């Protein structure tokens, strides 16, 4: 039984080893499970295990229906309005602590005076192409730079990305 456990552990480490070598480029695209958006980034490993990235985030237009009861300060129930999409850019830093586990942070433009900040932690899981294509599920702590309203709320959520290294 000990040999089987050792074999499984060895296979997991061999399967999930992510090469984060200095001088390597990486392209990632993904989003948040809780909002209609898409983001992309391109990263460069400035040293083994440390990636500096430039990110681009695009929020889509969508319709928002008010569900407030009639008689409140808000619009009557059933009235909807369009929410306009946006485009943000930013910079980030990601550290691969051990093998395929990473910690990262991003600062990006937003609607507020201060930049939006995101802290993330996740894992890189190999999909194919000789270890060049990866799936990255992660948890994120989003801290908007907006100072008032619903968009200023700090949130904790799940996100995902696909990453290709070259």
C-alpha atoms as a PDB file:
ATOM      1  CA  UNK A   1       0.000   0.000   0.000  1.00  0.00           C
ATOM      2  CA  UNK A   2       2.878   2.382   0.785  1.00  0.00           C
ATOM      3  CA  UNK A   3       4.350   1.763  -2.677  1.00  0.00           C
ATOM      4  CA  UNK A   4       1.021   2.531  -4.340  1.00  0.00           C
ATOM      5  CA  UNK A   5       0.702   5.787  -2.372  1.00  0.00           C
ATOM      6  CA  UNK A   6       4.257   6.765  -3.297  1.00  0.00           C
ATOM      7  CA  UNK A   7       3.593   5.955  -6.963  1.00  0.00           C
ATOM      8  CA  UNK A   8       0.420   8.087  -7.026  1.00  0.00           C
ATOM      9  CA  UNK A   9       2.193  11.006  -5.306  1.00  0.00           C
ATOM     10  CA  UNK A  10       5.105  10.785  -7.757  1.00  0.00           C
ATOM     11  CA  UNK A  11       2.769  10.738 -10.755  1.00  0.00           C
ATOM     12  CA  UNK A  12       0.869  13.763  -9.439  1.00  0.00           C
ATOM     13  CA  UNK A  13       4.058  15.795  -8.986  1.00  0.00           C
ATOM     14  CA  UNK A  14       5.329  14.745 -12.426  1.00  0.00           C
ATOM     15  CA  UNK A  15       1.998  15.558 -14.064  1.00  0.00           C
ATOM     16  CA  UNK A  16       1.513  18.957 -12.429  1.00  0.00           C
ATOM     17  CA  UNK A  17       5.040  20.327 -12.710  1.00  0.00           C
ATOM     18  CA  UNK A  18       4.795  23.715 -14.441  1.00  0.00           C
ATOM     19  CA  UNK A  19       7.972  25.071 -15.999  1.00  0.00           C
ATOM     20  CA  UNK A  20       8.299  28.708 -14.946  1.00  0.00           C
ATOM     21  CA  UNK A  21      11.727  29.401 -16.337  1.00  0.00           C
ATOM     22  CA  UNK A  22      13.282  32.825 -16.641  1.00  0.00           C
ATOM     23  CA  UNK A  23      12.840  34.295 -20.119  1.00  0.00           C
ATOM     24  CA  UNK A  24       9.649  32.364 -20.884  1.00  0.00           C
ATOM     25  CA  UNK A  25       6.501  34.132 -22.224  1.00  0.00           C
ATOM     26  CA  UNK A  26       2.950  33.254 -21.253  1.00  0.00           C
ATOM     27  CA  UNK A  27      -0.501  34.195 -22.583  1.00  0.00           C
ATOM     28  CA  UNK A  28      -3.629  33.743 -20.465  1.00  0.00           C
ATOM     29  CA  UNK A  29      -7.359  34.285 -20.990  1.00  0.00           C
ATOM     30  CA  UNK A  30     -10.178  33.716 -18.545  1.00  0.00           C
ATOM     31  CA  UNK A  31     -12.881  35.240 -16.429  1.00  0.00           C
ATOM     32  CA  UNK A  32     -14.856  35.293 -13.234  1.00  0.00           C
ATOM     33  CA  UNK A  33     -17.606  32.741 -12.576  1.00  0.00           C
ATOM     34  CA  UNK A  34     -19.887  35.448 -11.135  1.00  0.00           C
ATOM     35  CA  UNK A  35     -19.887  38.236 -13.739  1.00  0.00           C
ATOM     36  CA  UNK A  36     -20.132  38.626 -17.523  1.00  0.00           C
ATOM     37  CA  UNK A  37     -16.576  39.634 -18.311  1.00  0.00           C
ATOM     38  CA  UNK A  38     -13.474  38.423 -20.088  1.00  0.00           C
ATOM     39  CA  UNK A  39      -9.845  39.220 -19.491  1.00  0.00           C
ATOM     40  CA  UNK A  40      -6.535  38.460 -21.095  1.00  0.00           C
ATOM     41  CA  UNK A  41      -2.940  38.924 -20.064  1.00  0.00           C
ATOM     42  CA  UNK A  42       0.524  38.414 -21.392  1.00  0.00           C
ATOM     43  CA  UNK A  43       3.282  37.597 -18.960  1.00  0.00           C
ATOM     44  CA  UNK A  44       7.040  37.315 -18.915  1.00  0.00           C
ATOM     45  CA  UNK A  45       9.015  35.310 -16.349  1.00  0.00           C
ATOM     46  CA  UNK A  46      11.594  37.794 -15.111  1.00  0.00           C
ATOM     47  CA  UNK A  47      13.150  35.024 -13.010  1.00  0.00           C
ATOM     48  CA  UNK A  48      12.334  31.389 -12.279  1.00  0.00           C
ATOM     49  CA  UNK A  49       8.850  31.232 -10.747  1.00  0.00           C
ATOM     50  CA  UNK A  50       8.122  34.993 -10.927  1.00  0.00           C
ATOM     51  CA  UNK A  51       5.923  36.373 -13.722  1.00  0.00           C
ATOM     52  CA  UNK A  52       5.278  40.035 -14.507  1.00  0.00           C
ATOM     53  CA  UNK A  53       2.132  40.541 -16.617  1.00  0.00           C
ATOM     54  CA  UNK A  54       0.100  43.165 -18.438  1.00  0.00           C
ATOM     55  CA  UNK A  55      -3.646  42.527 -18.329  1.00  0.00           C
ATOM     56  CA  UNK A  56      -6.694  43.626 -20.292  1.00  0.00           C
ATOM     57  CA  UNK A  57     -10.242  43.241 -18.969  1.00  0.00           C
ATOM     58  CA  UNK A  58     -13.412  43.746 -20.979  1.00  0.00           C
ATOM     59  CA  UNK A  59     -16.893  43.917 -19.412  1.00  0.00           C
ATOM     60  CA  UNK A  60     -19.817  43.245 -21.742  1.00  0.00           C
ATOM     61  CA  UNK A  61     -23.001  45.288 -22.154  1.00  0.00           C
ATOM     62  CA  UNK A  62     -25.978  43.720 -20.401  1.00  0.00           C
ATOM     63  CA  UNK A  63     -29.503  44.551 -19.305  1.00  0.00           C
ATOM     64  CA  UNK A  64     -30.232  45.011 -15.604  1.00  0.00           C
ATOM     65  CA  UNK A  65     -33.830  44.700 -14.412  1.00  0.00           C
ATOM     66  CA  UNK A  66     -34.877  46.502 -11.233  1.00  0.00           C
ATOM     67  CA  UNK A  67     -36.620  44.194  -8.758  1.00  0.00           C
ATOM     68  CA  UNK A  68     -37.263  46.872  -6.138  1.00  0.00           C
ATOM     69  CA  UNK A  69     -40.809  47.011  -4.731  1.00  0.00           C
ATOM     70  CA  UNK A  70     -43.030  49.838  -5.914  1.00  0.00           C
ATOM     71  CA  UNK A  71     -42.999  52.805  -3.540  1.00  0.00           C
ATOM     72  CA  UNK A  72     -39.271  52.843  -2.750  1.00  0.00           C
ATOM     73  CA  UNK A  73     -36.849  55.534  -3.840  1.00  0.00           C
ATOM     74  CA  UNK A  74     -35.841  53.329  -6.770  1.00  0.00           C
ATOM     75  CA  UNK A  75     -37.602  52.763 -10.064  1.00  0.00           C
ATOM     76  CA  UNK A  76     -40.811  50.767 -10.241  1.00  0.00           C
ATOM     77  CA  UNK A  77     -40.590  46.973 -10.419  1.00  0.00           C
ATOM     78  CA  UNK A  78     -40.026  45.570 -13.889  1.00  0.00           C
ATOM     79  CA  UNK A  79     -38.195  48.591 -15.299  1.00  0.00           C
ATOM     80  CA  UNK A  80     -34.848  47.723 -16.825  1.00  0.00           C
ATOM     81  CA  UNK A  81     -31.824  49.690 -17.945  1.00  0.00           C
ATOM     82  CA  UNK A  82     -28.738  48.870 -19.950  1.00  0.00           C
ATOM     83  CA  UNK A  83     -25.365  48.619 -18.263  1.00  0.00           C
ATOM     84  CA  UNK A  84     -22.562  49.724 -20.532  1.00  0.00           C
ATOM     85  CA  UNK A  85     -19.464  47.557 -20.910  1.00  0.00           C
ATOM     86  CA  UNK A  86     -15.989  48.786 -20.076  1.00  0.00           C
ATOM     87  CA  UNK A  87     -12.335  48.219 -20.880  1.00  0.00           C
ATOM     88  CA  UNK A  88      -9.620  48.202 -18.209  1.00  0.00           C
ATOM     89  CA  UNK A  89      -5.906  47.504 -18.300  1.00  0.00           C
ATOM     90  CA  UNK A  90      -3.409  46.785 -15.558  1.00  0.00           C
ATOM     91  CA  UNK A  91      -0.227  45.152 -14.351  1.00  0.00           C
ATOM     92  CA  UNK A  92       0.280  42.111 -12.175  1.00  0.00           C
ATOM     93  CA  UNK A  93       2.853  39.945 -10.475  1.00  0.00           C
ATOM     94  CA  UNK A  94       2.522  36.198  -9.899  1.00  0.00           C
ATOM     95  CA  UNK A  95       4.759  33.931  -7.831  1.00  0.00           C
ATOM     96  CA  UNK A  96       4.743  30.149  -8.271  1.00  0.00           C
ATOM     97  CA  UNK A  97       5.432  29.082  -4.701  1.00  0.00           C
ATOM     98  CA  UNK A  98       5.827  25.346  -5.300  1.00  0.00           C
ATOM     99  CA  UNK A  99       5.415  23.437  -8.536  1.00  0.00           C
ATOM    100  CA  UNK A 100       2.007  24.464  -9.854  1.00  0.00           C
ATOM    101  CA  UNK A 101       0.626  26.540  -6.929  1.00  0.00           C
ATOM    102  CA  UNK A 102       0.634  30.307  -7.382  1.00  0.00           C
ATOM    103  CA  UNK A 103      -0.075  33.550  -5.536  1.00  0.00           C
ATOM    104  CA  UNK A 104      -0.618  36.789  -7.404  1.00  0.00           C
ATOM    105  CA  UNK A 105      -1.756  40.363  -7.324  1.00  0.00           C
ATOM    106  CA  UNK A 106      -3.030  42.791  -9.966  1.00  0.00           C
ATOM    107  CA  UNK A 107      -3.635  46.530 -10.096  1.00  0.00           C
ATOM    108  CA  UNK A 108      -5.896  47.820 -12.864  1.00  0.00           C
ATOM    109  CA  UNK A 109      -7.767  50.910 -13.993  1.00  0.00           C
ATOM    110  CA  UNK A 110     -11.418  51.111 -13.031  1.00  0.00           C
ATOM    111  CA  UNK A 111     -14.250  53.562 -12.626  1.00  0.00           C
ATOM    112  CA  UNK A 112     -12.974  55.027  -9.356  1.00  0.00           C
ATOM    113  CA  UNK A 113     -10.138  57.415  -8.651  1.00  0.00           C
ATOM    114  CA  UNK A 114      -8.069  54.637  -7.105  1.00  0.00           C
ATOM    115  CA  UNK A 115      -6.951  51.509  -9.002  1.00  0.00           C
ATOM    116  CA  UNK A 116      -8.812  48.230  -8.587  1.00  0.00           C
ATOM    117  CA  UNK A 117      -6.802  45.530  -6.782  1.00  0.00           C
ATOM    118  CA  UNK A 118      -7.128  41.749  -7.070  1.00  0.00           C
ATOM    119  CA  UNK A 119      -5.339  39.144  -4.955  1.00  0.00           C
ATOM    120  CA  UNK A 120      -5.437  35.571  -6.258  1.00  0.00           C
ATOM    121  CA  UNK A 121      -4.334  32.071  -5.340  1.00  0.00           C
ATOM    122  CA  UNK A 122      -4.714  28.977  -7.485  1.00  0.00           C
ATOM    123  CA  UNK A 123      -3.225  25.981  -9.200  1.00  0.00           C
ATOM    124  CA  UNK A 124      -2.006  25.360 -12.770  1.00  0.00           C
ATOM    125  CA  UNK A 125      -3.220  22.035 -14.203  1.00  0.00           C
ATOM    126  CA  UNK A 126      -1.581  20.731 -17.380  1.00  0.00           C
ATOM    127  CA  UNK A 127      -3.898  20.086 -20.338  1.00  0.00           C
ATOM    128  CA  UNK A 128      -1.553  19.257 -23.193  1.00  0.00           C
ATOM    129  CA  UNK A 129       0.862  20.406 -25.904  1.00  0.00           C
ATOM    130  CA  UNK A 130       3.873  19.012 -24.020  1.00  0.00           C
ATOM    131  CA  UNK A 131       3.175  21.064 -20.891  1.00  0.00           C
ATOM    132  CA  UNK A 132       2.461  24.349 -22.672  1.00  0.00           C
ATOM    133  CA  UNK A 133      -1.336  24.563 -22.218  1.00  0.00           C
ATOM    134  CA  UNK A 134      -2.698  24.919 -18.684  1.00  0.00           C
ATOM    135  CA  UNK A 135      -6.053  25.327 -16.933  1.00  0.00           C
ATOM    136  CA  UNK A 136      -5.959  27.534 -13.834  1.00  0.00           C
ATOM    137  CA  UNK A 137      -8.841  27.528 -11.343  1.00  0.00           C
ATOM    138  CA  UNK A 138      -8.326  30.146  -8.620  1.00  0.00           C
ATOM    139  CA  UNK A 139      -9.906  32.123  -5.825  1.00  0.00           C
ATOM    140  CA  UNK A 140      -9.812  35.904  -6.013  1.00  0.00           C
ATOM    141  CA  UNK A 141     -10.290  38.759  -3.576  1.00  0.00           C
ATOM    142  CA  UNK A 142     -11.494  41.794  -5.573  1.00  0.00           C
ATOM    143  CA  UNK A 143     -11.083  45.244  -4.028  1.00  0.00           C
ATOM    144  CA  UNK A 144     -12.516  47.939  -6.324  1.00  0.00           C
ATOM    145  CA  UNK A 145     -11.133  51.481  -6.359  1.00  0.00           C
ATOM    146  CA  UNK A 146     -14.669  52.890  -6.483  1.00  0.00           C
ATOM    147  CA  UNK A 147     -15.560  54.667  -3.238  1.00  0.00           C
ATOM    148  CA  UNK A 148     -19.360  54.413  -3.180  1.00  0.00           C
ATOM    149  CA  UNK A 149     -22.301  52.300  -4.318  1.00  0.00           C
ATOM    150  CA  UNK A 150     -22.635  48.625  -5.167  1.00  0.00           C
ATOM    151  CA  UNK A 151     -19.494  48.605  -7.333  1.00  0.00           C
ATOM    152  CA  UNK A 152     -17.348  49.539  -4.319  1.00  0.00           C
ATOM    153  CA  UNK A 153     -18.020  46.258  -2.497  1.00  0.00           C
ATOM    154  CA  UNK A 154     -15.059  43.969  -1.854  1.00  0.00           C
ATOM    155  CA  UNK A 155     -15.852  40.460  -3.069  1.00  0.00           C
ATOM    156  CA  UNK A 156     -14.374  36.985  -2.814  1.00  0.00           C
ATOM    157  CA  UNK A 157     -15.031  34.583  -5.660  1.00  0.00           C
ATOM    158  CA  UNK A 158     -13.944  31.853  -8.037  1.00  0.00           C
ATOM    159  CA  UNK A 159     -12.227  32.528 -11.348  1.00  0.00           C
ATOM    160  CA  UNK A 160     -10.630  30.519 -14.142  1.00  0.00           C
ATOM    161  CA  UNK A 161      -8.089  30.944 -16.908  1.00  0.00           C
ATOM    162  CA  UNK A 162      -6.387  29.063 -19.693  1.00  0.00           C
ATOM    163  CA  UNK A 163      -2.660  29.758 -20.027  1.00  0.00           C
ATOM    164  CA  UNK A 164      -0.272  28.976 -22.881  1.00  0.00           C
ATOM    165  CA  UNK A 165       3.484  29.260 -22.311  1.00  0.00           C
ATOM    166  CA  UNK A 166       6.101  29.646 -25.016  1.00  0.00           C
END
